[in-house]
Amino acid sequence: MKLGPRSISPSFLIMQATQIHPQSIHQCFFRAKSADQAITGPIMLKIFAAPGSIALASVILLEEVEADYELTLLDFSRGEQKEAAYQAVNPKGRVPALITESGVLTETPAILLYIAKRFGADSLVGAHDPFVFAKIQEFNSYLASTVHVAHAHRLRGSRWTDDPQAIEALKKKVPESMTQVIRLIEDDLLKGLWVHGEAYTICDPYLFTISSWLESDGVDTTALPHLMAHREKMLARAATQAALSRIN
């Protein structure tokens, strides 16, 4: 009997994911907690990403918490996210997707929260204070629902319209719309050295990934000194450099 997406078990998904078209996978690697430590036993986590995508945020956090994981890169230019094997993992056809021993997680806010709660310190999610925890979710929700969507109008206009002229109009609006939504972060939402002040949280790799798109979106970054300082601080972290080297 053919199984539909809702009836596929986590174990079946994991089996399928490990069989995703080997000839089309451009990079696959395993990471131990130190360069000298061999990985023993099964890999607990497998993450799917694509160069230039929001998945970078999740890979940065995996590096930050020194999790053991396997990375597979998809080539969106070849439509690998639409192939049947990956659709069995994530029917949305987007990245990131994180395979765990419990099943598959999608959506960046959920994946960041899972990685931090499983491997990281409480400070990553503000677990010491319900209000701080909620503020972190508030910030990441804004990135997901508003900032990332504004950016997507430049590259993914066909999600909203099939009219070529309308797609071009969406693209032309991006510098203005991205400047507006990112301005709120610059002026009101950045609280200090990191998004929420002194403590590095799951908001920081997420914001860094989106801020790396700003120049391509036509945003004048010289008018965003706090955001650019944050980006430089993120670039100076070993975890960020490690993730960039493996994705880009």
Protein backbone atom coordinates (compact mmCIF):
# COMPACT_ATOMS: atom_id res chain seq x y z
CA MET A 1 0.00 0.00 0.00
CA LYS A 2 1.38 3.41 -0.91
CA LEU A 3 1.78 5.65 2.10
CA GLY A 4 0.82 9.33 2.01
CA PRO A 5 2.89 11.98 3.75
CA ARG A 6 0.74 11.88 6.90
CA SER A 7 1.05 8.14 7.34
CA ILE A 8 4.82 7.83 6.95
CA SER A 9 6.47 6.78 10.20
CA PRO A 10 9.57 8.56 11.56
CA SER A 11 11.64 5.42 11.06
CA PHE A 12 10.60 5.26 7.41
CA LEU A 13 11.50 8.93 6.94
CA ILE A 14 14.93 8.38 8.45
CA MET A 15 15.51 5.37 6.21
CA GLN A 16 14.42 7.33 3.14
CA ALA A 17 16.55 10.34 4.05
CA THR A 18 19.68 8.26 4.20
CA GLN A 19 18.96 7.07 0.67
CA ILE A 20 18.43 10.46 -0.95
CA HIS A 21 19.98 10.29 -4.43
CA PRO A 22 23.69 9.88 -3.58
CA GLN A 23 24.73 11.10 -7.00
CA SER A 24 23.03 14.44 -6.45
CA ILE A 25 24.37 15.17 -2.97
CA HIS A 26 27.15 17.73 -3.12
CA GLN A 27 28.44 17.51 0.42
CA CYS A 28 27.96 15.12 3.28
CA PHE A 29 30.12 15.05 6.37
CA PHE A 30 30.19 13.91 9.97
CA ARG A 31 31.36 16.01 12.88
CA ALA A 32 32.61 14.88 16.26
CA LYS A 33 32.82 17.05 19.37
CA SER A 34 36.53 17.48 18.81
CA ALA A 35 38.84 17.00 15.90
CA ASP A 36 40.45 13.98 17.58
CA GLN A 37 37.26 12.27 18.69
CA ALA A 38 35.93 9.55 16.43
CA ILE A 39 32.18 9.21 16.18
CA THR A 40 30.95 5.93 17.58
CA GLY A 41 27.48 4.53 17.12
CA PRO A 42 24.74 6.02 14.93
CA ILE A 43 24.62 9.69 13.99
CA MET A 44 21.89 11.29 16.06
CA LEU A 45 21.12 14.29 13.86
CA LYS A 46 21.01 14.84 10.13
CA ILE A 47 20.36 18.33 8.76
CA PHE A 48 19.51 19.30 5.20
CA ALA A 49 20.62 22.76 4.05
CA ALA A 50 21.31 24.75 0.90
CA PRO A 51 23.94 27.43 0.19
CA GLY A 52 22.63 30.92 0.82
CA SER A 53 19.57 29.67 2.71
CA ILE A 54 18.20 30.29 6.17
CA ALA A 55 19.46 26.82 7.13
CA LEU A 56 22.81 28.44 7.93
CA ALA A 57 21.37 29.61 11.25
CA SER A 58 20.69 26.07 12.41
CA VAL A 59 24.11 24.82 11.32
CA ILE A 60 25.79 27.68 13.21
CA LEU A 61 23.93 26.67 16.35
CA LEU A 62 24.85 23.00 15.89
CA GLU A 63 28.48 24.14 15.81
CA GLU A 64 28.00 26.37 18.85
CA VAL A 65 26.69 23.52 21.00
CA GLU A 66 29.20 21.02 19.54
CA ALA A 67 26.50 18.56 18.52
CA ASP A 68 27.34 15.51 16.45
CA TYR A 69 25.53 15.87 13.15
CA GLU A 70 25.54 14.99 9.49
CA LEU A 71 25.07 17.72 6.90
CA THR A 72 23.63 17.22 3.44
CA LEU A 73 23.53 20.08 0.97
CA LEU A 74 20.78 20.34 -1.61
CA ASP A 75 21.20 22.19 -4.91
CA PHE A 76 18.07 24.29 -5.35
CA SER A 77 19.15 25.31 -8.86
CA ARG A 78 18.71 21.67 -9.85
CA GLY A 79 15.42 21.33 -8.00
CA GLU A 80 16.75 18.73 -5.56
CA GLN A 81 14.35 20.03 -2.90
CA LYS A 82 11.47 18.87 -5.13
CA GLU A 83 12.72 15.33 -5.65
CA ALA A 84 10.72 12.49 -4.14
CA ALA A 85 13.34 11.41 -1.62
CA TYR A 86 13.59 14.85 -0.04
CA GLN A 87 9.83 15.38 -0.26
CA ALA A 88 9.51 12.28 1.93
CA VAL A 89 11.61 14.08 4.53
CA ASN A 90 10.03 17.54 4.15
CA PRO A 91 6.96 17.84 1.90
CA LYS A 92 7.33 21.63 2.10
CA GLY A 93 10.38 21.30 -0.14
CA ARG A 94 12.36 23.80 1.89
CA VAL A 95 15.34 23.83 4.23
CA PRO A 96 16.29 23.32 6.92
CA ALA A 97 14.97 19.91 7.84
CA LEU A 98 16.43 18.16 10.84
CA ILE A 99 16.13 14.41 11.30
CA THR A 100 16.28 13.29 14.90
CA GLU A 101 15.82 9.85 16.40
CA SER A 102 12.29 10.97 17.33
CA GLY A 103 11.32 12.18 13.87
CA VAL A 104 11.70 15.16 11.54
CA LEU A 105 11.64 18.84 12.47
CA THR A 106 11.20 21.71 10.03
CA GLU A 107 11.01 25.52 10.41
CA THR A 108 14.00 27.43 11.71
CA PRO A 109 12.47 28.69 15.00
CA ALA A 110 11.53 25.13 15.99
CA ILE A 111 14.89 23.65 15.00
CA LEU A 112 16.86 26.33 16.84
CA LEU A 113 14.78 25.80 19.96
CA TYR A 114 15.22 22.02 19.79
CA ILE A 115 19.00 22.20 19.34
CA ALA A 116 19.39 24.67 22.18
CA LYS A 117 17.14 22.80 24.59
CA ARG A 118 18.78 19.47 23.84
CA PHE A 119 22.45 20.44 23.76
CA GLY A 120 22.90 24.00 24.97
CA ALA A 121 22.83 26.14 28.08
CA ASP A 122 19.56 27.52 29.44
CA SER A 123 20.73 31.02 28.51
CA LEU A 124 20.38 30.17 24.81
CA VAL A 125 16.60 30.20 25.15
CA GLY A 126 16.15 32.31 28.28
CA ALA A 127 14.88 29.27 30.18
CA HIS A 128 15.57 30.99 33.52
CA ASP A 129 12.76 33.49 32.97
CA PRO A 130 9.40 32.87 31.23
CA PHE A 131 9.29 36.47 29.98
CA VAL A 132 12.78 36.31 28.46
CA PHE A 133 11.92 32.93 26.93
CA ALA A 134 8.82 34.48 25.36
CA LYS A 135 10.73 37.53 24.11
CA ILE A 136 13.19 35.24 22.33
CA GLN A 137 10.30 33.45 20.63
CA GLU A 138 8.77 36.83 19.78
CA PHE A 139 11.94 37.99 18.06
CA ASN A 140 12.38 34.78 16.08
CA SER A 141 8.71 34.84 15.09
CA TYR A 142 9.22 38.33 13.69
CA LEU A 143 12.20 37.13 11.66
CA ALA A 144 10.23 34.17 10.32
CA SER A 145 6.88 35.78 9.63
CA THR A 146 7.89 39.28 8.55
CA VAL A 147 11.59 39.79 7.74
CA HIS A 148 12.21 36.54 5.88
CA VAL A 149 8.95 36.95 3.97
CA ALA A 150 9.93 40.47 2.86
CA HIS A 151 13.23 39.06 1.59
CA ALA A 152 11.47 36.21 -0.22
CA HIS A 153 9.64 38.66 -2.49
CA ARG A 154 12.93 39.21 -4.34
CA LEU A 155 13.64 35.56 -5.13
CA ARG A 156 10.31 33.77 -4.63
CA GLY A 157 7.72 36.11 -6.10
CA SER A 158 6.04 33.19 -7.83
CA ARG A 159 4.73 32.09 -4.44
CA TRP A 160 2.30 35.01 -4.59
CA THR A 161 1.63 35.60 -8.28
CA ASP A 162 2.12 34.14 -11.75
CA ASP A 163 2.07 37.54 -13.44
CA PRO A 164 5.62 38.42 -14.63
CA GLN A 165 4.94 42.13 -14.21
CA ALA A 166 3.67 41.60 -10.68
CA ILE A 167 6.76 39.52 -9.86
CA GLU A 168 8.97 42.36 -11.07
CA ALA A 169 6.97 44.82 -8.99
CA LEU A 170 7.52 42.64 -5.92
CA LYS A 171 11.26 42.62 -6.57
CA LYS A 172 11.39 46.40 -6.91
CA LYS A 173 9.64 46.79 -3.57
CA VAL A 174 12.16 44.67 -1.65
CA PRO A 175 14.77 47.39 -0.87
CA GLU A 176 12.05 49.53 0.69
CA SER A 177 10.22 46.74 2.51
CA MET A 178 13.39 45.11 3.83
CA THR A 179 14.74 48.45 5.01
CA GLN A 180 11.51 49.08 6.88
CA VAL A 181 11.38 45.73 8.69
CA ILE A 182 15.10 45.65 9.49
CA ARG A 183 15.01 49.26 10.71
CA LEU A 184 12.80 48.17 13.60
CA ILE A 185 15.50 45.71 14.68
CA GLU A 186 18.23 48.34 14.40
CA ASP A 187 16.31 50.99 16.34
CA ASP A 188 14.27 49.04 18.88
CA LEU A 189 14.93 45.31 19.11
CA LEU A 190 18.71 44.98 19.49
CA LYS A 191 19.35 45.22 23.23
CA GLY A 192 23.12 45.14 23.54
CA LEU A 193 26.12 43.09 22.52
CA TRP A 194 23.71 40.39 21.36
CA VAL A 195 20.06 40.59 20.38
CA HIS A 196 18.91 40.24 23.98
CA GLY A 197 21.79 41.98 25.69
CA GLU A 198 24.81 40.29 27.22
CA ALA A 199 23.77 36.68 26.55
CA TYR A 200 24.14 34.96 23.17
CA THR A 201 20.82 33.30 22.30
CA ILE A 202 19.19 31.41 19.46
CA CYS A 203 18.18 34.78 18.02
CA ASP A 204 21.76 35.65 17.12
CA PRO A 205 22.57 33.07 14.43
CA TYR A 206 19.09 33.62 13.00
CA LEU A 207 19.54 37.40 12.73
CA PHE A 208 23.08 36.99 11.39
CA THR A 209 21.88 34.76 8.56
CA ILE A 210 19.18 37.20 7.48
CA SER A 211 21.48 40.22 7.83
CA SER A 212 23.92 38.58 5.41
CA TRP A 213 21.29 39.05 2.67
CA LEU A 214 20.76 42.79 3.16
CA GLU A 215 23.17 44.12 0.55
CA SER A 216 21.68 41.80 -2.08
CA ASP A 217 18.24 43.04 -1.08
CA GLY A 218 19.29 46.62 -1.80
CA VAL A 219 19.41 47.75 1.83
CA ASP A 220 21.85 50.54 2.74
CA THR A 221 23.74 48.82 5.55
CA THR A 222 25.81 51.92 6.33
CA ALA A 223 22.67 53.21 8.05
CA LEU A 224 22.55 50.14 10.31
CA PRO A 225 25.59 50.45 12.61
CA HIS A 226 24.24 48.28 15.42
CA LEU A 227 23.20 45.50 13.07
CA MET A 228 26.53 45.58 11.27
CA ALA A 229 28.39 45.43 14.58
CA HIS A 230 26.32 42.37 15.45
CA ARG A 231 27.19 40.79 12.12
CA GLU A 232 30.90 41.37 12.69
CA LYS A 233 30.69 39.82 16.16
CA MET A 234 28.98 36.78 14.71
CA LEU A 235 31.58 36.47 11.95
CA ALA A 236 34.32 36.44 14.57
CA ARG A 237 32.92 33.31 16.24
CA ALA A 238 34.53 29.99 15.39
CA ALA A 239 31.13 28.31 15.09
CA THR A 240 30.03 30.80 12.44
CA GLN A 241 33.21 30.32 10.44
CA ALA A 242 32.90 26.54 10.66
CA ALA A 243 29.30 26.61 9.46
CA LEU A 244 30.09 29.00 6.60
CA SER A 245 32.97 26.84 5.43
CA ARG A 246 30.72 23.79 5.25
CA ILE A 247 27.69 25.37 3.63
CA ASN A 248 29.28 27.90 1.29
